[in-house]
Amino acid sequence: MARLVTFDEGRVGELRGDKVVELEVPSMRHYFERDQVPRPTGEEFALEDVRLRAPIVPKKFFHTAGNFREHEEESKQVQWSHRMELAVVIRKAGKWFSPEEAMEHVGGYVIFNDITARDIQRREMESGVFSFCKAIDTFCPLGPWIVTADEIEDPHDLAMELRVNGEPRQRSHSGNMSVTIPEILAHYSALGYSAGDVLSTGTVSGVAGFSPDAADLYLKPGDVMEAEIEKIGVLRNPVVSWREAHGEDPPERVRW
């Protein structure tokens, strides 16, 4: 049972209360590839003194969609095709397995904040393929840590909420999935999993793009997003301008 973090310059640790115990492993992917719990290095740090990073950088990220019934219905209202999520971290490599075998491949769970550039997405939807709109640097935040599978008895029994500046935007429950996590894992197993890969399970209803006043709800510099999933924690992401992040004016905007 563990909450696993990557902190500072890529060090791996286990969260124990308000302390981070460093583990003797070079990266979080190695943690799952080795399939054994590494020894502590003997160093401990106060959680408030470390900088948490994305807990894992997977070889593959399987981004699934349309798995929550309520989100499927709201997408039809504005004639948009499918697109705060619970994500699964793969424990061991595998291919072509059944739903009954799927949970053997689950190493843990993490929160995934699915950021989308809607202006770009509208053009990409003409082809039905989303690529750049979800793949810009800093998109796809994961965190705040990985909760190992043995800490969550039923991943389909978790309350979920996304807040922007403290205001709830999305509220749902993982039990609202129209397909189960084992079914999702088995379906995409044809592509082959590696230890440490990550698979998302689809967003819940309430996304800004489907609101009548969508433009007023789009993220802007200064906003703070809080994605919370029961038994995992809260993933906080601030929105900053290009200048604040890079110290210079942004490149010329490409019109899509």
C-alpha atoms as a PDB file:
ATOM      1  CA  MET A   1       0.000   0.000   0.000  1.00  0.00           C
ATOM      2  CA  ALA A   2       1.603   3.243  -1.079  1.00  0.00           C
ATOM      3  CA  ARG A   3       1.302   6.727  -2.494  1.00  0.00           C
ATOM      4  CA  LEU A   4       4.176   7.171  -4.916  1.00  0.00           C
ATOM      5  CA  VAL A   5       5.638  10.523  -5.928  1.00  0.00           C
ATOM      6  CA  THR A   6       8.259  11.900  -8.256  1.00  0.00           C
ATOM      7  CA  PHE A   7       9.841  15.005  -6.779  1.00  0.00           C
ATOM      8  CA  ASP A   8      12.505  17.658  -7.306  1.00  0.00           C
ATOM      9  CA  GLU A   9      14.766  16.574 -10.183  1.00  0.00           C
ATOM     10  CA  GLY A  10      13.158  13.206 -10.849  1.00  0.00           C
ATOM     11  CA  ARG A  11      13.703  11.451  -7.516  1.00  0.00           C
ATOM     12  CA  VAL A  12      11.153   8.795  -6.583  1.00  0.00           C
ATOM     13  CA  GLY A  13       9.598   8.529  -3.157  1.00  0.00           C
ATOM     14  CA  GLU A  14       6.766   7.173  -1.070  1.00  0.00           C
ATOM     15  CA  LEU A  15       4.490   9.550   0.784  1.00  0.00           C
ATOM     16  CA  ARG A  16       4.142   8.612   4.448  1.00  0.00           C
ATOM     17  CA  GLY A  17       2.028  11.153   6.272  1.00  0.00           C
ATOM     18  CA  ASP A  18       3.674  14.529   5.702  1.00  0.00           C
ATOM     19  CA  LYS A  19       7.051  12.972   4.856  1.00  0.00           C
ATOM     20  CA  VAL A  20       8.483  11.806   1.536  1.00  0.00           C
ATOM     21  CA  VAL A  21      10.719   8.750   1.891  1.00  0.00           C
ATOM     22  CA  GLU A  22      13.125   8.530  -1.050  1.00  0.00           C
ATOM     23  CA  LEU A  23      13.287   5.142  -2.796  1.00  0.00           C
ATOM     24  CA  GLU A  24      16.302   3.523  -4.414  1.00  0.00           C
ATOM     25  CA  VAL A  25      15.078   3.550  -8.010  1.00  0.00           C
ATOM     26  CA  PRO A  26      16.071   5.881 -10.895  1.00  0.00           C
ATOM     27  CA  SER A  27      12.545   6.675 -12.141  1.00  0.00           C
ATOM     28  CA  MET A  28       8.906   5.808 -11.559  1.00  0.00           C
ATOM     29  CA  ARG A  29       8.833   3.777 -14.746  1.00  0.00           C
ATOM     30  CA  HIS A  30      11.681   1.659 -13.374  1.00  0.00           C
ATOM     31  CA  TYR A  31       9.587   1.170 -10.230  1.00  0.00           C
ATOM     32  CA  PHE A  32       6.907  -0.633 -12.230  1.00  0.00           C
ATOM     33  CA  GLU A  33       9.278  -2.317 -14.686  1.00  0.00           C
ATOM     34  CA  ARG A  34      11.159  -3.972 -11.819  1.00  0.00           C
ATOM     35  CA  ASP A  35       7.890  -5.243 -10.307  1.00  0.00           C
ATOM     36  CA  GLN A  36       9.338  -5.130  -6.803  1.00  0.00           C
ATOM     37  CA  VAL A  37       9.294  -2.520  -4.076  1.00  0.00           C
ATOM     38  CA  PRO A  38      12.667  -0.707  -3.973  1.00  0.00           C
ATOM     39  CA  ARG A  39      14.481  -0.051  -0.713  1.00  0.00           C
ATOM     40  CA  PRO A  40      14.477   3.404   0.920  1.00  0.00           C
ATOM     41  CA  THR A  41      17.700   5.354   0.435  1.00  0.00           C
ATOM     42  CA  GLY A  42      17.595   6.533   4.045  1.00  0.00           C
ATOM     43  CA  GLU A  43      16.706  10.118   3.099  1.00  0.00           C
ATOM     44  CA  GLU A  44      13.418  11.678   4.159  1.00  0.00           C
ATOM     45  CA  PHE A  45      11.962  15.095   3.330  1.00  0.00           C
ATOM     46  CA  ALA A  46       9.016  17.146   4.521  1.00  0.00           C
ATOM     47  CA  LEU A  47       6.352  17.176   1.809  1.00  0.00           C
ATOM     48  CA  GLU A  48       6.206  20.978   1.966  1.00  0.00           C
ATOM     49  CA  ASP A  49       9.935  21.166   1.184  1.00  0.00           C
ATOM     50  CA  VAL A  50       9.867  19.180  -2.076  1.00  0.00           C
ATOM     51  CA  ARG A  51       8.516  20.052  -5.503  1.00  0.00           C
ATOM     52  CA  LEU A  52       6.191  17.396  -6.833  1.00  0.00           C
ATOM     53  CA  ARG A  53       6.562  16.512 -10.513  1.00  0.00           C
ATOM     54  CA  ALA A  54       4.359  14.437 -12.787  1.00  0.00           C
ATOM     55  CA  PRO A  55       4.511  11.098 -10.966  1.00  0.00           C
ATOM     56  CA  ILE A  56       5.332   9.148 -14.126  1.00  0.00           C
ATOM     57  CA  VAL A  57       6.357   9.726 -17.745  1.00  0.00           C
ATOM     58  CA  PRO A  58       4.885   6.745 -19.611  1.00  0.00           C
ATOM     59  CA  LYS A  59       6.183   5.178 -22.801  1.00  0.00           C
ATOM     60  CA  LYS A  60       2.586   5.155 -24.033  1.00  0.00           C
ATOM     61  CA  PHE A  61      -0.427   7.160 -22.960  1.00  0.00           C
ATOM     62  CA  PHE A  62      -3.739   5.595 -23.990  1.00  0.00           C
ATOM     63  CA  HIS A  63      -6.260   8.441 -24.106  1.00  0.00           C
ATOM     64  CA  THR A  64      -9.752   6.934 -24.247  1.00  0.00           C
ATOM     65  CA  ALA A  65     -13.037   8.856 -24.461  1.00  0.00           C
ATOM     66  CA  GLY A  66     -16.816   8.523 -24.370  1.00  0.00           C
ATOM     67  CA  ASN A  67     -16.822   6.202 -21.351  1.00  0.00           C
ATOM     68  CA  PHE A  68     -19.116   8.306 -19.126  1.00  0.00           C
ATOM     69  CA  ARG A  69     -22.799   8.239 -20.093  1.00  0.00           C
ATOM     70  CA  GLU A  70     -23.482  11.837 -19.030  1.00  0.00           C
ATOM     71  CA  HIS A  71     -20.604  13.230 -21.110  1.00  0.00           C
ATOM     72  CA  GLU A  72     -21.748  11.286 -24.150  1.00  0.00           C
ATOM     73  CA  GLU A  73     -25.209  12.839 -23.858  1.00  0.00           C
ATOM     74  CA  GLU A  74     -23.960  16.430 -23.435  1.00  0.00           C
ATOM     75  CA  SER A  75     -21.659  16.043 -26.443  1.00  0.00           C
ATOM     76  CA  LYS A  76     -24.638  15.141 -28.645  1.00  0.00           C
ATOM     77  CA  GLN A  77     -26.416  18.361 -27.673  1.00  0.00           C
ATOM     78  CA  VAL A  78     -23.855  20.436 -29.553  1.00  0.00           C
ATOM     79  CA  GLN A  79     -23.087  17.852 -32.233  1.00  0.00           C
ATOM     80  CA  TRP A  80     -19.517  17.360 -31.080  1.00  0.00           C
ATOM     81  CA  SER A  81     -17.935  13.950 -31.024  1.00  0.00           C
ATOM     82  CA  HIS A  82     -16.404  12.481 -27.874  1.00  0.00           C
ATOM     83  CA  ARG A  83     -13.243  13.534 -26.046  1.00  0.00           C
ATOM     84  CA  MET A  84     -11.122  15.536 -14.968  1.00  0.00           C
ATOM     85  CA  GLU A  85     -10.299  11.853 -15.501  1.00  0.00           C
ATOM     86  CA  LEU A  86      -9.267   8.828 -13.504  1.00  0.00           C
ATOM     87  CA  ALA A  87      -6.198   7.237 -15.103  1.00  0.00           C
ATOM     88  CA  VAL A  88      -4.747   3.770 -14.638  1.00  0.00           C
ATOM     89  CA  VAL A  89      -1.023   3.024 -14.345  1.00  0.00           C
ATOM     90  CA  ILE A  90      -0.066  -0.306 -15.910  1.00  0.00           C
ATOM     91  CA  ARG A  91       1.859  -2.680 -13.624  1.00  0.00           C
ATOM     92  CA  LYS A  92       3.180  -5.190 -16.151  1.00  0.00           C
ATOM     93  CA  ALA A  93       3.476  -5.673 -19.880  1.00  0.00           C
ATOM     94  CA  GLY A  94       0.685  -7.486 -21.674  1.00  0.00           C
ATOM     95  CA  LYS A  95      -1.239  -7.905 -24.898  1.00  0.00           C
ATOM     96  CA  TRP A  96      -4.512  -9.497 -25.971  1.00  0.00           C
ATOM     97  CA  PHE A  97      -5.964 -10.232 -22.564  1.00  0.00           C
ATOM     98  CA  SER A  98      -9.580 -10.472 -21.397  1.00  0.00           C
ATOM     99  CA  PRO A  99     -11.501  -8.255 -18.946  1.00  0.00           C
ATOM    100  CA  GLU A 100     -11.221 -11.089 -16.411  1.00  0.00           C
ATOM    101  CA  GLU A 101      -7.416 -10.836 -16.597  1.00  0.00           C
ATOM    102  CA  ALA A 102      -7.218  -7.055 -16.826  1.00  0.00           C
ATOM    103  CA  MET A 103      -6.929  -6.121 -13.145  1.00  0.00           C
ATOM    104  CA  GLU A 104      -3.735  -8.180 -12.889  1.00  0.00           C
ATOM    105  CA  HIS A 105      -2.156  -5.439 -15.020  1.00  0.00           C
ATOM    106  CA  VAL A 106      -3.227  -2.495 -12.820  1.00  0.00           C
ATOM    107  CA  GLY A 107      -0.425  -1.005 -10.733  1.00  0.00           C
ATOM    108  CA  GLY A 108      -2.225   2.074  -9.452  1.00  0.00           C
ATOM    109  CA  TYR A 109      -4.367   5.107 -10.133  1.00  0.00           C
ATOM    110  CA  VAL A 110      -3.606   8.774 -10.790  1.00  0.00           C
ATOM    111  CA  ILE A 111      -5.597  11.923 -11.629  1.00  0.00           C
ATOM    112  CA  PHE A 112      -5.391  13.137 -15.229  1.00  0.00           C
ATOM    113  CA  ASN A 113      -6.390  16.707 -16.164  1.00  0.00           C
ATOM    114  CA  ASP A 114      -7.371  16.563 -19.832  1.00  0.00           C
ATOM    115  CA  ILE A 115      -6.486  20.027 -21.199  1.00  0.00           C
ATOM    116  CA  THR A 116      -7.744  20.874 -24.692  1.00  0.00           C
ATOM    117  CA  ALA A 117      -7.166  23.905 -26.921  1.00  0.00           C
ATOM    118  CA  ARG A 118     -10.728  24.244 -28.192  1.00  0.00           C
ATOM    119  CA  ASP A 119      -9.929  26.669 -31.027  1.00  0.00           C
ATOM    120  CA  ILE A 120      -7.517  24.151 -32.517  1.00  0.00           C
ATOM    121  CA  GLN A 121      -9.808  21.230 -31.739  1.00  0.00           C
ATOM    122  CA  ARG A 122     -12.673  22.671 -33.774  1.00  0.00           C
ATOM    123  CA  ARG A 123     -10.560  22.496 -36.908  1.00  0.00           C
ATOM    124  CA  GLU A 124      -9.186  19.074 -36.057  1.00  0.00           C
ATOM    125  CA  MET A 125     -12.697  17.747 -35.609  1.00  0.00           C
ATOM    126  CA  GLU A 126     -13.208  18.124 -39.343  1.00  0.00           C
ATOM    127  CA  SER A 127     -10.974  15.077 -39.714  1.00  0.00           C
ATOM    128  CA  GLY A 128     -12.063  13.419 -36.455  1.00  0.00           C
ATOM    129  CA  VAL A 129      -8.448  13.108 -35.295  1.00  0.00           C
ATOM    130  CA  PHE A 130      -7.309  15.043 -32.222  1.00  0.00           C
ATOM    131  CA  SER A 131      -3.562  15.492 -32.065  1.00  0.00           C
ATOM    132  CA  PHE A 132      -2.107  18.963 -31.552  1.00  0.00           C
ATOM    133  CA  CYS A 133      -5.093  20.296 -29.541  1.00  0.00           C
ATOM    134  CA  LYS A 134      -4.301  17.912 -26.691  1.00  0.00           C
ATOM    135  CA  ALA A 135      -0.545  17.555 -27.151  1.00  0.00           C
ATOM    136  CA  ILE A 136       0.803  21.048 -26.459  1.00  0.00           C
ATOM    137  CA  ASP A 137       3.587  21.371 -23.885  1.00  0.00           C
ATOM    138  CA  THR A 138       2.234  21.457 -20.280  1.00  0.00           C
ATOM    139  CA  PHE A 139      -1.041  19.788 -21.335  1.00  0.00           C
ATOM    140  CA  CYS A 140      -1.935  16.400 -19.793  1.00  0.00           C
ATOM    141  CA  PRO A 141      -0.986  17.073 -16.147  1.00  0.00           C
ATOM    142  CA  LEU A 142      -0.853  13.913 -14.020  1.00  0.00           C
ATOM    143  CA  GLY A 143      -0.711  13.739 -10.240  1.00  0.00           C
ATOM    144  CA  PRO A 144      -0.453  14.524  -7.475  1.00  0.00           C
ATOM    145  CA  TRP A 145       0.818  10.986  -6.877  1.00  0.00           C
ATOM    146  CA  ILE A 146       0.120   7.391  -7.848  1.00  0.00           C
ATOM    147  CA  VAL A 147      -2.041   5.467  -5.399  1.00  0.00           C
ATOM    148  CA  THR A 148      -1.218   1.774  -5.671  1.00  0.00           C
ATOM    149  CA  ALA A 149      -4.040  -0.561  -6.639  1.00  0.00           C
ATOM    150  CA  ASP A 150      -4.236  -2.269  -3.264  1.00  0.00           C
ATOM    151  CA  GLU A 151      -5.332   1.017  -1.655  1.00  0.00           C
ATOM    152  CA  ILE A 152      -8.457   1.295  -3.815  1.00  0.00           C
ATOM    153  CA  GLU A 153     -10.759  -1.663  -3.390  1.00  0.00           C
ATOM    154  CA  ASP A 154     -13.225  -0.555  -6.074  1.00  0.00           C
ATOM    155  CA  PRO A 155     -12.155   2.058  -8.692  1.00  0.00           C
ATOM    156  CA  HIS A 156     -15.817   2.295  -9.750  1.00  0.00           C
ATOM    157  CA  ASP A 157     -16.807   3.755  -6.377  1.00  0.00           C
ATOM    158  CA  LEU A 158     -15.000   7.115  -6.339  1.00  0.00           C
ATOM    159  CA  ALA A 159     -16.466  10.635  -6.158  1.00  0.00           C
ATOM    160  CA  MET A 160     -14.952  13.064  -8.684  1.00  0.00           C
ATOM    161  CA  GLU A 161     -14.952  16.868  -8.849  1.00  0.00           C
ATOM    162  CA  LEU A 162     -13.186  19.539 -10.890  1.00  0.00           C
ATOM    163  CA  ARG A 163     -13.048  23.111  -9.578  1.00  0.00           C
ATOM    164  CA  VAL A 164     -11.799  26.319 -11.220  1.00  0.00           C
ATOM    165  CA  ASN A 165     -10.953  29.056  -8.728  1.00  0.00           C
ATOM    166  CA  GLY A 166     -12.920  27.123  -6.132  1.00  0.00           C
ATOM    167  CA  GLU A 167     -16.066  26.938  -8.277  1.00  0.00           C
ATOM    168  CA  PRO A 168     -17.241  23.390  -9.098  1.00  0.00           C
ATOM    169  CA  ARG A 169     -17.323  22.768 -12.852  1.00  0.00           C
ATOM    170  CA  GLN A 170     -17.581  18.987 -13.025  1.00  0.00           C
ATOM    171  CA  ARG A 171     -19.044  16.568 -10.489  1.00  0.00           C
ATOM    172  CA  SER A 172     -19.536  12.893 -11.066  1.00  0.00           C
ATOM    173  CA  HIS A 173     -18.738   9.415  -9.849  1.00  0.00           C
ATOM    174  CA  SER A 174     -16.606   6.699 -11.379  1.00  0.00           C
ATOM    175  CA  GLY A 175     -19.618   4.398 -11.116  1.00  0.00           C
ATOM    176  CA  ASN A 176     -21.194   6.366 -13.984  1.00  0.00           C
ATOM    177  CA  MET A 177     -18.930   4.750 -16.571  1.00  0.00           C
ATOM    178  CA  SER A 178     -20.852   2.972 -19.300  1.00  0.00           C
ATOM    179  CA  VAL A 179     -17.999   0.462 -19.560  1.00  0.00           C
ATOM    180  CA  THR A 180     -15.777  -0.848 -16.781  1.00  0.00           C
ATOM    181  CA  ILE A 181     -12.066  -0.330 -16.306  1.00  0.00           C
ATOM    182  CA  PRO A 182     -11.337  -4.034 -16.990  1.00  0.00           C
ATOM    183  CA  GLU A 183     -13.288  -3.742 -20.250  1.00  0.00           C
ATOM    184  CA  ILE A 184     -11.391  -0.609 -21.290  1.00  0.00           C
ATOM    185  CA  LEU A 185      -8.034  -2.192 -20.455  1.00  0.00           C
ATOM    186  CA  ALA A 186      -8.878  -5.372 -22.343  1.00  0.00           C
ATOM    187  CA  HIS A 187     -10.119  -3.472 -25.401  1.00  0.00           C
ATOM    188  CA  TYR A 188      -6.872  -1.507 -25.821  1.00  0.00           C
ATOM    189  CA  SER A 189      -4.639  -4.437 -24.893  1.00  0.00           C
ATOM    190  CA  ALA A 190      -4.475  -5.259 -28.601  1.00  0.00           C
ATOM    191  CA  LEU A 191      -2.017  -2.336 -28.874  1.00  0.00           C
ATOM    192  CA  GLY A 192       0.244  -3.826 -26.210  1.00  0.00           C
ATOM    193  CA  TYR A 193       1.058  -2.386 -22.796  1.00  0.00           C
ATOM    194  CA  SER A 194       4.417  -1.785 -21.153  1.00  0.00           C
ATOM    195  CA  ALA A 195       4.949  -1.504 -17.408  1.00  0.00           C
ATOM    196  CA  GLY A 196       4.453   2.133 -16.480  1.00  0.00           C
ATOM    197  CA  ASP A 197       2.100   2.992 -19.340  1.00  0.00           C
ATOM    198  CA  VAL A 198      -0.933   5.129 -18.464  1.00  0.00           C
ATOM    199  CA  LEU A 199      -4.521   4.775 -19.686  1.00  0.00           C
ATOM    200  CA  SER A 200      -7.247   7.370 -19.129  1.00  0.00           C
ATOM    201  CA  THR A 201     -10.856   6.363 -18.581  1.00  0.00           C
ATOM    202  CA  GLY A 202     -12.743   9.318 -20.107  1.00  0.00           C
ATOM    203  CA  THR A 203     -13.986  12.656 -18.825  1.00  0.00           C
ATOM    204  CA  VAL A 204     -17.185  13.344 -16.921  1.00  0.00           C
ATOM    205  CA  SER A 205     -19.900  15.854 -17.845  1.00  0.00           C
ATOM    206  CA  GLY A 206     -19.559  19.600 -17.376  1.00  0.00           C
ATOM    207  CA  VAL A 207     -16.731  20.465 -19.764  1.00  0.00           C
ATOM    208  CA  ALA A 208     -16.650  24.142 -20.755  1.00  0.00           C
ATOM    209  CA  GLY A 209     -16.811  23.443 -24.483  1.00  0.00           C
ATOM    210  CA  PHE A 210     -20.362  22.089 -24.168  1.00  0.00           C
ATOM    211  CA  SER A 211     -21.745  25.015 -22.168  1.00  0.00           C
ATOM    212  CA  PRO A 212     -23.967  27.693 -23.816  1.00  0.00           C
ATOM    213  CA  ASP A 213     -21.592  30.348 -22.452  1.00  0.00           C
ATOM    214  CA  ALA A 214     -18.460  28.337 -23.211  1.00  0.00           C
ATOM    215  CA  ALA A 215     -16.196  31.297 -23.992  1.00  0.00           C
ATOM    216  CA  ASP A 216     -16.787  32.764 -20.522  1.00  0.00           C
ATOM    217  CA  LEU A 217     -15.676  29.501 -18.935  1.00  0.00           C
ATOM    218  CA  TYR A 218     -12.463  28.955 -20.892  1.00  0.00           C
ATOM    219  CA  LEU A 219      -9.299  28.975 -18.809  1.00  0.00           C
ATOM    220  CA  LYS A 220      -7.212  32.137 -18.588  1.00  0.00           C
ATOM    221  CA  PRO A 221      -3.964  33.141 -16.869  1.00  0.00           C
ATOM    222  CA  GLY A 222      -4.446  33.351 -13.120  1.00  0.00           C
ATOM    223  CA  ASP A 223      -6.995  30.536 -12.949  1.00  0.00           C
ATOM    224  CA  VAL A 224      -6.326  27.560 -10.685  1.00  0.00           C
ATOM    225  CA  MET A 225      -7.756  24.136 -11.482  1.00  0.00           C
ATOM    226  CA  GLU A 226      -8.313  21.551  -8.761  1.00  0.00           C
ATOM    227  CA  ALA A 227      -9.148  18.034  -9.885  1.00  0.00           C
ATOM    228  CA  GLU A 228     -10.152  15.837  -6.967  1.00  0.00           C
ATOM    229  CA  ILE A 229     -10.857  12.115  -6.929  1.00  0.00           C
ATOM    230  CA  GLU A 230     -11.853  10.355  -3.741  1.00  0.00           C
ATOM    231  CA  LYS A 231      -9.114   8.223  -2.123  1.00  0.00           C
ATOM    232  CA  ILE A 232      -6.483   9.672  -4.478  1.00  0.00           C
ATOM    233  CA  GLY A 233      -6.201  13.380  -3.677  1.00  0.00           C
ATOM    234  CA  VAL A 234      -6.258  16.791  -5.341  1.00  0.00           C
ATOM    235  CA  LEU A 235      -4.283  17.743  -8.452  1.00  0.00           C
ATOM    236  CA  ARG A 236      -3.806  21.536  -8.537  1.00  0.00           C
ATOM    237  CA  ASN A 237      -2.698  23.247 -11.754  1.00  0.00           C
ATOM    238  CA  PRO A 238      -2.295  27.014 -12.149  1.00  0.00           C
ATOM    239  CA  VAL A 239      -2.825  28.626 -15.545  1.00  0.00           C
ATOM    240  CA  VAL A 240       0.008  30.987 -16.532  1.00  0.00           C
ATOM    241  CA  SER A 241       0.609  33.142 -19.576  1.00  0.00           C
ATOM    242  CA  TRP A 242       3.357  32.413 -22.099  1.00  0.00           C
ATOM    243  CA  ARG A 243       5.265  35.482 -20.893  1.00  0.00           C
ATOM    244  CA  GLU A 244       5.054  34.403 -17.256  1.00  0.00           C
ATOM    245  CA  ALA A 245       6.260  30.922 -18.148  1.00  0.00           C
ATOM    246  CA  HIS A 246       9.008  31.849 -20.635  1.00  0.00           C
ATOM    247  CA  GLY A 247       9.900  35.453 -19.862  1.00  0.00           C
ATOM    248  CA  GLU A 248       9.248  36.599 -23.429  1.00  0.00           C
ATOM    249  CA  ASP A 249       6.399  37.358 -25.791  1.00  0.00           C
ATOM    250  CA  PRO A 250       4.679  34.364 -27.356  1.00  0.00           C
ATOM    251  CA  PRO A 251       5.432  33.368 -30.952  1.00  0.00           C
ATOM    252  CA  GLU A 252       3.110  34.611 -33.651  1.00  0.00           C
ATOM    253  CA  ARG A 253      -0.247  32.936 -33.327  1.00  0.00           C
ATOM    254  CA  VAL A 254      -1.185  30.402 -35.988  1.00  0.00           C
ATOM    255  CA  ARG A 255      -4.806  30.798 -37.014  1.00  0.00           C
ATOM    256  CA  TRP A 256      -6.622  27.497 -37.222  1.00  0.00           C
END
